Amino acid sequence: MAFYSGQIDGPQLVADIQAWARELGFSQIGVAGVDLSSAEAGLLAWLSNGFHGEMAYMQTHGLKRARPAELVPGTVSVITARMDYLPRTAEEGWQSVEFERLRRPQEAVVSLYARGRDYHKVLRSRLQKLSERIAEKVGPFGHRAFTDSAPVLEAELAARSGQGWRGKHTLVLSREAGSMFFLGEIYVDLALPPSPPVTEHCGTCSACIDVCPTQAILAPQRLDARRCISYLTIEHAGPIPEELRALMGNRIYGCDDCQLICPWNKYARRSALPDFDEREGLTGAHLAELFGWTEDEFLRLTEGSPIRRIGHERWLRNIAVAIGNALREADDPSLRAALQARTQHPSALVREHVAWALAQHA
């Protein structure tokens, strides 16, 4: 990182950055300092308990997550960015609409954030454009942009920079926007005035803890990722633990339950960008239809989507579990036929989950 040595009007520059960010589709900009030492003990405890599961990179990077100036030498401030992702077409009462999907066992449910374009691509390009606008104002400066792509304590930085507070589900919550948003950061060598943090407003509510299908939220702000459906369907590579399969219902990629139940998400904002509009075919699809995709179809139909990163094998694994859960609810010849067609699949992982799913049919 090249060090910036000029003089800047910090408050004015932050105001300018906020205005440029709005033009780029961001919803809020904050600034945090780089001293996150008070978060280190919690991070180490989470890792020592093994709550990160197979996400070995969490352990590998260790405390570097809590030390921005070690990750990117020369960093003095962190610009945090929020981008709302609720699809523009989301109707009133969208939370109830999503809960209804979970009550239709044969319908495949994909997490809301993953129904549109890959957020990594959207945020990264716009954070880079924002960095270029800053350079036009102050001249060359040291910076690196991140979007869930490096050892960064995103939620901690967001909370410290006034984006919201850490909810009991560990996600960042805003009184104005709920939690349906992405976060991104720009590490900079500019001394910018930090944004004031906001107070917590969860109170005695425990709805997110109570609703979690697998009870992955062990206590307020204490999540065991190994039980989280989002982790199991996206990050976890091997067989899904049998004791958790029946609890997954028809969720084939991610899980929104802790956000759907949160009272603050009645204030969730629709995205200003078309990027997060729902792709045709991913919302309301029958499990048998998606399970029938060949690998070529999977790659073509998920191009530019975050779903593509799990690959066809895990896609089939996830849907096989959902089909098994649907068959336990009611017989459906089309679902049984879809499973039968995969009993000789080359992947042992797929075959094992198909066999389990078939055994769920009484």
Protein backbone atom coordinates (compact mmCIF):
# COMPACT_ATOMS: atom_id res chain seq x y z
CA MET A 1 0.00 0.00 0.00
CA ALA A 2 1.37 3.43 -1.00
CA PHE A 3 1.09 5.89 1.86
CA TYR A 4 -0.89 9.09 1.36
CA SER A 5 1.01 12.11 2.66
CA GLY A 6 -1.21 15.03 1.72
CA GLN A 7 -3.58 17.09 3.84
CA ILE A 8 -7.29 16.40 3.69
CA ASP A 9 -10.45 17.83 5.20
CA GLY A 10 -11.64 14.60 6.81
CA PRO A 11 -15.28 15.49 7.55
CA GLN A 12 -15.77 17.01 4.08
CA LEU A 13 -14.17 14.02 2.38
CA VAL A 14 -16.44 11.62 4.27
CA ALA A 15 -19.46 13.68 3.20
CA ASP A 16 -18.24 13.52 -0.40
CA ILE A 17 -17.70 9.74 -0.17
CA GLN A 18 -21.23 9.31 1.15
CA ALA A 19 -22.64 11.29 -1.79
CA TRP A 20 -20.60 9.37 -4.37
CA ALA A 21 -21.58 6.07 -2.74
CA ARG A 22 -25.28 6.87 -3.06
CA GLU A 23 -24.77 7.49 -6.78
CA LEU A 24 -23.21 4.01 -7.00
CA GLY A 25 -26.15 2.31 -5.31
CA PHE A 26 -24.79 2.04 -1.77
CA SER A 27 -27.21 2.68 1.05
CA GLN A 28 -24.89 3.88 3.80
CA ILE A 29 -21.23 4.69 4.39
CA GLY A 30 -19.42 4.67 7.71
CA VAL A 31 -15.85 4.93 8.94
CA ALA A 32 -14.15 2.78 11.57
CA GLY A 33 -10.75 2.90 13.17
CA VAL A 34 -8.32 -0.01 13.07
CA ASP A 35 -8.09 -0.89 16.76
CA LEU A 36 -10.30 -3.97 17.09
CA SER A 37 -8.34 -5.44 20.01
CA SER A 38 -11.45 -5.71 22.17
CA ALA A 39 -12.90 -8.19 19.64
CA GLU A 40 -9.91 -10.54 19.72
CA ALA A 41 -10.90 -12.58 22.78
CA GLY A 42 -14.33 -13.35 21.33
CA LEU A 43 -12.82 -14.37 17.99
CA LEU A 44 -10.31 -16.69 19.65
CA ALA A 45 -13.01 -18.29 21.80
CA TRP A 46 -15.23 -18.89 18.75
CA LEU A 47 -12.36 -20.55 16.91
CA SER A 48 -11.23 -22.63 19.91
CA ASN A 49 -14.76 -24.02 20.24
CA GLY A 50 -14.60 -25.17 16.62
CA PHE A 51 -17.71 -23.18 15.74
CA HIS A 52 -16.17 -22.32 12.35
CA GLY A 53 -16.52 -25.95 11.22
CA GLU A 54 -14.66 -26.71 7.99
CA MET A 55 -13.95 -23.04 7.28
CA ALA A 56 -10.24 -23.61 7.90
CA TYR A 57 -9.33 -20.19 6.56
CA MET A 58 -10.90 -18.72 9.71
CA GLN A 59 -8.33 -20.54 11.84
CA THR A 60 -5.49 -19.91 9.39
CA HIS A 61 -5.86 -16.14 9.46
CA GLY A 62 -6.54 -16.05 13.19
CA LEU A 63 -6.17 -12.62 14.74
CA LYS A 64 -5.29 -10.99 11.43
CA ARG A 65 -9.06 -10.58 11.05
CA ALA A 66 -9.07 -8.24 14.02
CA ARG A 67 -5.96 -6.34 12.93
CA PRO A 68 -6.63 -4.37 9.73
CA ALA A 69 -3.19 -2.76 9.77
CA GLU A 70 -1.58 -6.21 9.70
CA LEU A 71 -3.76 -7.44 6.88
CA VAL A 72 -3.04 -4.32 4.81
CA PRO A 73 0.01 -2.47 6.17
CA GLY A 74 -0.47 1.26 6.22
CA THR A 75 -4.21 1.11 6.89
CA VAL A 76 -5.34 3.97 9.11
CA SER A 77 -9.13 3.90 8.57
CA VAL A 78 -11.73 1.51 7.21
CA ILE A 79 -14.59 2.80 5.06
CA THR A 80 -17.60 0.50 5.49
CA ALA A 81 -20.39 0.29 2.93
CA ARG A 82 -23.92 -1.10 3.16
CA MET A 83 -25.93 -2.18 0.14
CA ASP A 84 -29.56 -3.28 0.52
CA TYR A 85 -30.46 -6.43 -1.42
CA LEU A 86 -34.17 -7.06 -0.98
CA PRO A 87 -35.39 -7.55 -4.58
CA ARG A 88 -37.14 -4.55 -6.10
CA THR A 89 -40.20 -6.75 -6.72
CA ALA A 90 -40.52 -7.87 -3.09
CA GLU A 91 -44.14 -7.35 -2.13
CA GLU A 92 -45.59 -6.00 1.08
CA GLY A 93 -45.51 -8.69 3.73
CA TRP A 94 -42.54 -10.34 2.04
CA GLN A 95 -41.54 -12.03 5.31
CA SER A 96 -44.86 -13.89 5.45
CA VAL A 97 -44.52 -14.78 1.76
CA GLU A 98 -41.15 -16.39 2.46
CA PHE A 99 -42.41 -18.31 5.48
CA GLU A 100 -45.21 -19.67 3.29
CA ARG A 101 -42.61 -21.08 0.88
CA LEU A 102 -41.18 -23.12 3.75
CA ARG A 103 -44.63 -24.67 4.27
CA ARG A 104 -44.70 -26.03 0.70
CA PRO A 105 -42.39 -29.08 0.95
CA GLN A 106 -42.07 -29.63 -2.81
CA GLU A 107 -40.94 -26.06 -3.48
CA ALA A 108 -37.19 -25.39 -3.50
CA VAL A 109 -36.21 -22.44 -1.32
CA VAL A 110 -33.11 -20.41 -2.11
CA SER A 111 -31.99 -17.70 0.29
CA LEU A 112 -33.17 -14.26 -0.82
CA TYR A 113 -29.67 -12.84 -1.23
CA ALA A 114 -28.75 -15.58 -3.72
CA ARG A 115 -31.66 -15.21 -6.14
CA GLY A 116 -29.99 -12.46 -8.15
CA ARG A 117 -26.48 -11.63 -9.29
CA ASP A 118 -23.45 -12.61 -7.22
CA TYR A 119 -23.07 -9.83 -4.68
CA HIS A 120 -19.29 -10.23 -4.65
CA LYS A 121 -19.18 -9.02 -8.25
CA VAL A 122 -21.65 -6.17 -7.69
CA LEU A 123 -20.05 -4.74 -4.57
CA ARG A 124 -16.44 -5.25 -5.62
CA SER A 125 -16.81 -3.30 -8.86
CA ARG A 126 -18.70 -0.48 -7.16
CA LEU A 127 -16.23 -0.27 -4.27
CA GLN A 128 -13.48 0.04 -6.85
CA LYS A 129 -15.37 2.85 -8.59
CA LEU A 130 -15.80 4.57 -5.24
CA SER A 131 -12.05 4.27 -4.62
CA GLU A 132 -11.41 5.88 -8.00
CA ARG A 133 -13.68 8.80 -7.10
CA ILE A 134 -11.73 9.30 -3.89
CA ALA A 135 -8.45 9.28 -5.83
CA GLU A 136 -9.81 11.92 -8.18
CA LYS A 137 -10.41 14.11 -5.12
CA VAL A 138 -7.27 13.51 -3.04
CA GLY A 139 -4.79 12.06 -5.53
CA PRO A 140 -3.18 8.62 -5.31
CA PHE A 141 -3.73 6.90 -1.98
CA GLY A 142 -3.26 3.44 -0.53
CA HIS A 143 -6.39 1.30 -0.48
CA ARG A 144 -7.81 -2.21 -0.82
CA ALA A 145 -11.46 -3.12 -1.20
CA PHE A 146 -13.04 -6.26 0.26
CA THR A 147 -16.40 -7.97 -0.05
CA ASP A 148 -16.51 -11.10 2.06
CA SER A 149 -13.25 -11.96 0.33
CA ALA A 150 -10.51 -11.70 2.97
CA PRO A 151 -9.93 -12.10 6.72
CA VAL A 152 -12.03 -9.09 7.67
CA LEU A 153 -14.28 -8.74 10.72
CA GLU A 154 -17.04 -7.27 8.61
CA ALA A 155 -19.81 -7.20 11.18
CA GLU A 156 -17.52 -5.78 13.85
CA LEU A 157 -16.31 -2.99 11.57
CA ALA A 158 -19.86 -2.27 10.44
CA ALA A 159 -21.09 -2.00 14.02
CA ARG A 160 -18.20 0.24 15.04
CA SER A 161 -18.88 2.54 12.09
CA GLY A 162 -22.55 3.10 12.83
CA GLN A 163 -24.07 0.74 10.24
CA GLY A 164 -26.05 -0.93 13.02
CA TRP A 165 -25.57 -3.21 16.01
CA ARG A 166 -24.83 -6.92 16.26
CA GLY A 167 -28.12 -8.76 16.55
CA LYS A 168 -28.49 -11.89 18.63
CA HIS A 169 -28.15 -13.89 15.39
CA THR A 170 -24.70 -12.19 14.93
CA LEU A 171 -25.83 -10.24 11.83
CA VAL A 172 -25.76 -6.45 11.77
CA LEU A 173 -29.15 -4.84 12.42
CA SER A 174 -30.24 -1.33 11.51
CA ARG A 175 -33.31 0.46 12.86
CA GLU A 176 -33.77 1.96 9.38
CA ALA A 177 -32.99 -1.07 7.23
CA GLY A 178 -33.23 -4.30 9.21
CA SER A 179 -30.54 -6.79 8.18
CA MET A 180 -31.22 -7.49 4.50
CA PHE A 181 -28.02 -5.91 3.22
CA PHE A 182 -24.50 -6.73 2.12
CA LEU A 183 -21.36 -5.23 3.61
CA GLY A 184 -18.14 -4.16 1.96
CA GLU A 185 -15.01 -2.37 3.10
CA ILE A 186 -12.22 -0.19 1.76
CA TYR A 187 -9.05 -0.21 3.85
CA VAL A 188 -7.40 3.18 3.35
CA ASP A 189 -4.26 5.02 4.47
CA LEU A 190 -6.31 8.20 5.00
CA ALA A 191 -7.03 9.45 8.52
CA LEU A 192 -10.80 9.88 8.42
CA PRO A 193 -13.09 10.76 11.35
CA PRO A 194 -14.80 7.61 12.64
CA SER A 195 -18.59 7.37 12.55
CA PRO A 196 -20.32 7.07 15.93
CA PRO A 197 -21.69 3.59 16.71
CA VAL A 198 -25.40 3.11 17.39
CA THR A 199 -27.00 1.56 20.46
CA GLU A 200 -28.46 -1.96 20.50
CA HIS A 201 -32.19 -2.43 20.14
CA CYS A 202 -32.85 -6.17 20.44
CA GLY A 203 -34.04 -5.85 24.02
CA THR A 204 -35.51 -9.06 25.40
CA CYS A 205 -36.52 -10.38 21.96
CA SER A 206 -35.20 -13.88 21.24
CA ALA A 207 -37.20 -14.59 18.07
CA CYS A 208 -34.11 -15.36 15.95
CA ILE A 209 -32.78 -17.82 18.52
CA ASP A 210 -36.13 -19.54 18.91
CA VAL A 211 -36.90 -19.87 15.18
CA CYS A 212 -33.58 -21.37 14.06
CA PRO A 213 -34.48 -24.81 12.60
CA THR A 214 -31.27 -26.45 13.83
CA GLN A 215 -30.77 -24.35 16.99
CA ALA A 216 -27.47 -23.08 15.64
CA ILE A 217 -27.71 -19.86 17.68
CA LEU A 218 -26.57 -21.18 21.05
CA ALA A 219 -26.95 -17.87 22.88
CA PRO A 220 -27.13 -14.19 21.94
CA GLN A 221 -24.33 -13.49 19.43
CA ARG A 222 -23.01 -17.06 19.72
CA LEU A 223 -23.43 -19.07 16.53
CA ASP A 224 -22.24 -22.62 15.93
CA ALA A 225 -21.75 -22.56 12.16
CA ARG A 226 -21.61 -26.36 12.07
CA ARG A 227 -25.36 -26.46 12.74
CA CYS A 228 -26.30 -23.50 10.54
CA ILE A 229 -28.20 -24.40 7.36
CA SER A 230 -26.41 -21.67 5.42
CA TYR A 231 -23.08 -23.24 6.37
CA LEU A 232 -24.28 -26.79 5.69
CA THR A 233 -25.65 -26.02 2.22
CA ILE A 234 -22.87 -23.69 1.09
CA GLU A 235 -19.58 -24.01 3.00
CA HIS A 236 -19.72 -27.66 4.09
CA ALA A 237 -18.27 -30.02 1.50
CA GLY A 238 -19.04 -33.49 2.81
CA PRO A 239 -22.12 -35.41 3.89
CA ILE A 240 -24.69 -33.39 5.80
CA PRO A 241 -25.00 -34.85 9.32
CA GLU A 242 -28.01 -37.17 9.35
CA GLU A 243 -29.41 -35.71 12.56
CA LEU A 244 -29.70 -32.31 10.86
CA ARG A 245 -31.16 -33.36 7.50
CA ALA A 246 -34.80 -33.55 8.55
CA LEU A 247 -34.47 -30.09 10.13
CA MET A 248 -33.43 -28.51 6.83
CA GLY A 249 -36.86 -28.82 5.24
CA ASN A 250 -36.88 -27.53 1.66
CA ARG A 251 -33.99 -25.06 2.07
CA ILE A 252 -31.54 -25.95 -0.68
CA TYR A 253 -29.20 -22.94 -0.55
CA GLY A 254 -28.88 -20.85 2.58
CA CYS A 255 -31.48 -20.04 5.21
CA ASP A 256 -33.25 -16.78 6.04
CA ASP A 257 -35.34 -17.81 9.04
CA CYS A 258 -33.54 -15.70 11.64
CA GLN A 259 -33.96 -12.67 9.40
CA LEU A 260 -37.54 -13.42 8.36
CA ILE A 261 -38.68 -13.52 11.98
CA CYS A 262 -36.80 -10.38 13.05
CA PRO A 263 -39.19 -7.48 13.79
CA TRP A 264 -36.63 -4.97 12.52
CA ASN A 265 -36.85 -6.40 9.01
CA LYS A 266 -40.22 -4.78 8.52
CA TYR A 267 -37.96 -1.81 7.74
CA ALA A 268 -35.81 -3.73 5.24
CA ARG A 269 -35.31 -1.68 2.09
CA ARG A 270 -35.62 -2.80 -1.47
CA SER A 271 -32.48 -2.62 -3.56
CA ALA A 272 -32.04 0.32 -5.89
CA LEU A 273 -30.24 -1.97 -8.35
CA PRO A 274 -31.64 -4.51 -10.82
CA ASP A 275 -28.71 -6.84 -10.01
CA PHE A 276 -30.57 -8.37 -7.07
CA ASP A 277 -33.83 -8.98 -8.92
CA GLU A 278 -34.86 -12.61 -8.68
CA ARG A 279 -33.69 -14.81 -11.54
CA GLU A 280 -36.39 -16.64 -13.37
CA GLY A 281 -36.45 -20.30 -12.41
CA LEU A 282 -34.91 -19.98 -8.93
CA THR A 283 -37.99 -18.80 -7.07
CA GLY A 284 -40.94 -21.13 -6.63
CA ALA A 285 -39.32 -24.00 -8.56
CA HIS A 286 -40.31 -27.62 -7.94
CA LEU A 287 -37.56 -29.71 -6.35
CA ALA A 288 -37.74 -32.35 -9.10
CA GLU A 289 -37.11 -29.72 -11.76
CA LEU A 290 -33.93 -28.39 -10.15
CA PHE A 291 -32.72 -31.89 -9.27
CA GLY A 292 -32.97 -32.79 -12.95
CA TRP A 293 -30.43 -30.17 -14.05
CA THR A 294 -27.36 -31.65 -15.69
CA GLU A 295 -24.01 -30.20 -14.73
CA ASP A 296 -23.95 -28.17 -17.95
CA GLU A 297 -27.42 -26.81 -17.20
CA PHE A 298 -26.38 -26.01 -13.64
CA LEU A 299 -23.34 -24.06 -14.83
CA ARG A 300 -25.31 -22.22 -17.49
CA LEU A 301 -28.31 -21.37 -15.32
CA THR A 302 -26.19 -20.23 -12.35
CA GLU A 303 -23.70 -18.17 -14.35
CA GLY A 304 -23.06 -14.92 -12.48
CA SER A 305 -24.93 -16.29 -9.44
CA PRO A 306 -23.42 -16.97 -6.00
CA ILE A 307 -24.96 -20.45 -6.21
CA ARG A 308 -22.45 -21.53 -8.82
CA ARG A 309 -19.64 -21.65 -6.28
CA ILE A 310 -21.02 -24.76 -4.54
CA GLY A 311 -20.84 -26.82 -7.74
CA HIS A 312 -23.27 -29.34 -9.18
CA GLU A 313 -22.42 -32.13 -6.72
CA ARG A 314 -23.37 -30.13 -3.61
CA TRP A 315 -26.39 -28.74 -5.45
CA LEU A 316 -27.67 -32.31 -5.92
CA ARG A 317 -26.75 -33.24 -2.35
CA ASN A 318 -28.77 -30.32 -0.97
CA ILE A 319 -31.81 -30.99 -3.14
CA ALA A 320 -31.75 -34.70 -2.34
CA VAL A 321 -32.13 -33.83 1.35
CA ALA A 322 -35.03 -31.51 0.56
CA ILE A 323 -36.71 -34.20 -1.56
CA GLY A 324 -36.35 -36.71 1.27
CA ASN A 325 -37.99 -34.25 3.64
CA ALA A 326 -40.81 -33.64 1.14
CA LEU A 327 -41.42 -37.39 0.72
CA ARG A 328 -41.74 -37.73 4.47
CA GLU A 329 -44.59 -35.21 4.30
CA ALA A 330 -46.41 -36.75 1.33
CA ASP A 331 -45.76 -39.13 -1.55
CA ASP A 332 -44.94 -37.56 -4.91
CA PRO A 333 -44.13 -39.90 -7.82
CA SER A 334 -42.21 -37.16 -9.63
CA LEU A 335 -39.88 -36.72 -6.66
CA ARG A 336 -39.32 -40.46 -6.31
CA ALA A 337 -38.62 -40.72 -10.04
CA ALA A 338 -36.13 -37.85 -9.82
CA LEU A 339 -34.26 -39.64 -7.04
CA GLN A 340 -34.32 -42.98 -8.87
CA ALA A 341 -32.67 -41.31 -11.86
CA ARG A 342 -29.68 -40.39 -9.67
CA THR A 343 -29.14 -43.67 -7.80
CA GLN A 344 -26.14 -44.50 -10.01
CA HIS A 345 -24.64 -41.00 -9.97
CA PRO A 346 -20.81 -41.03 -10.20
CA SER A 347 -20.51 -39.12 -6.91
CA ALA A 348 -20.63 -41.22 -3.74
CA LEU A 349 -21.78 -38.09 -1.90
CA VAL A 350 -24.80 -37.73 -4.17
CA ARG A 351 -25.60 -41.46 -4.10
CA GLU A 352 -25.56 -41.54 -0.29
CA HIS A 353 -27.97 -38.60 0.01
CA VAL A 354 -30.22 -40.03 -2.71
CA ALA A 355 -30.40 -43.36 -0.82
CA TRP A 356 -31.24 -41.52 2.39
CA ALA A 357 -33.94 -39.50 0.63
CA LEU A 358 -35.54 -42.62 -0.88
CA ALA A 359 -35.62 -44.22 2.55
CA GLN A 360 -37.69 -41.32 3.86
CA HIS A 361 -40.63 -42.42 1.72
CA ALA A 362 -42.86 -44.63 3.82
